[in-house]
Amino acid sequence: MTWDWQYTGEIIPDLLHGLRYTITATLVGYVIALILGLVWTLLRRTPYTAVNQTVRWVTEFIRSTPLIPQLYFVFFVLPAWGITLGPLTAGIITLGIHYSTYTAEVYRAGIADVPKGQWEACTALNLPKSRVWVDVILPQAIRRVIPTLGNYLIAMFKDSPMLLAINVTELLFSAYQVGARTLQFLEPITMVGLLFVLVSVISSILVRRLESRYATH
């Protein structure tokens, strides 16, 4: 078995097309995870036991179950209840919800790390709760956890091949289609690995720079 460079050049456009879907699913899913994770965290801090305990059990259930069954549920089961989503939309929503349970824990740790004196100062100034959270607590908490949140972006990118389970034409699925069409799998599958490594390394470098930047402030 030898490497075919001409064939590799011919399949690059198909793989880049798949990579575009992979990156789109990752970035949009990540935004959902960031926003929903913060919502979970704030709900966990409410004084209403029914609310915070329900959120606790829901997030724990999502975090404790594999991603693929969740993909199947959203794509194949929800239509029985009248909710039909396209493969890419279903994949993005599932990725976002799944990873929101992890970002919620990151936010929780960041909030817990805010010095107690900050809370006491807000109380002494009689600031409204909305200002306490928006102007004081959340900016400090999120700043502390930016590097960790960046690591989850990389993890989500590496989990994106699971979207092929619901026929999303992401990078790995594109490689499979090319290989099935030509009966040559060495080049497309190897190129998938290289592209994942390349994007992951670039992302890791950016995350490390963010970590260094915020560690010095």
Foldseek 3Di string as FASTA:
>chain_A
DDDDPVVLVVLVVLLVVQAVLLVVLLVLLLVLLLVLLQVLLVQLPDPDPVRNVVSVVVLVVLQPDDLLVQLCCQAPVCVVVVDHDDLSVSSSPSSNSSNSSVVNVLLNVLLVPPDPVLVVVCVVVVPDPVCSCPPPRVVRSCLVRQLVSLVVSLVSSVVSVSSCSRPDSHNVVSLVVVCVVVVDNPSSVVVSVVVSVVVSVVSNVVSVVSVVVSVVD
